[in-house]
Amino acid sequence: MNDKDGGIVKAVIDRFESDFAVVLFGDKEIKVDIPLELLPAGVKEGSLLNVSFEMDEEGTKKQEEKIRGLLEKLKKGKE
């Protein structure tokens, strides 16, 4: 979700269901279920959140290396 506000997306708590909050993101109100433990304390229905996502280039490279290593192990196991 590219946004002109420096990557910050507005989201609103729509409702709570069990251990999740139904959160609506952006003008399109994209619905996402978020575990309550990941939300700030004190949120309630109607709370407006500023959400940002940031790419972790270094972490991505490490994850790719890990996956590559696992694939190599699988290939060697088939030989």
Foldseek 3Di string as FASTA:
>chain_A
DDDPPPQKWKKFFAADDDQWTFIFIHPVGDTDTDGPVVDDPPHHGGDIDTDGDDDDVVVVVVVVVVVVVVVVVVVVVVD
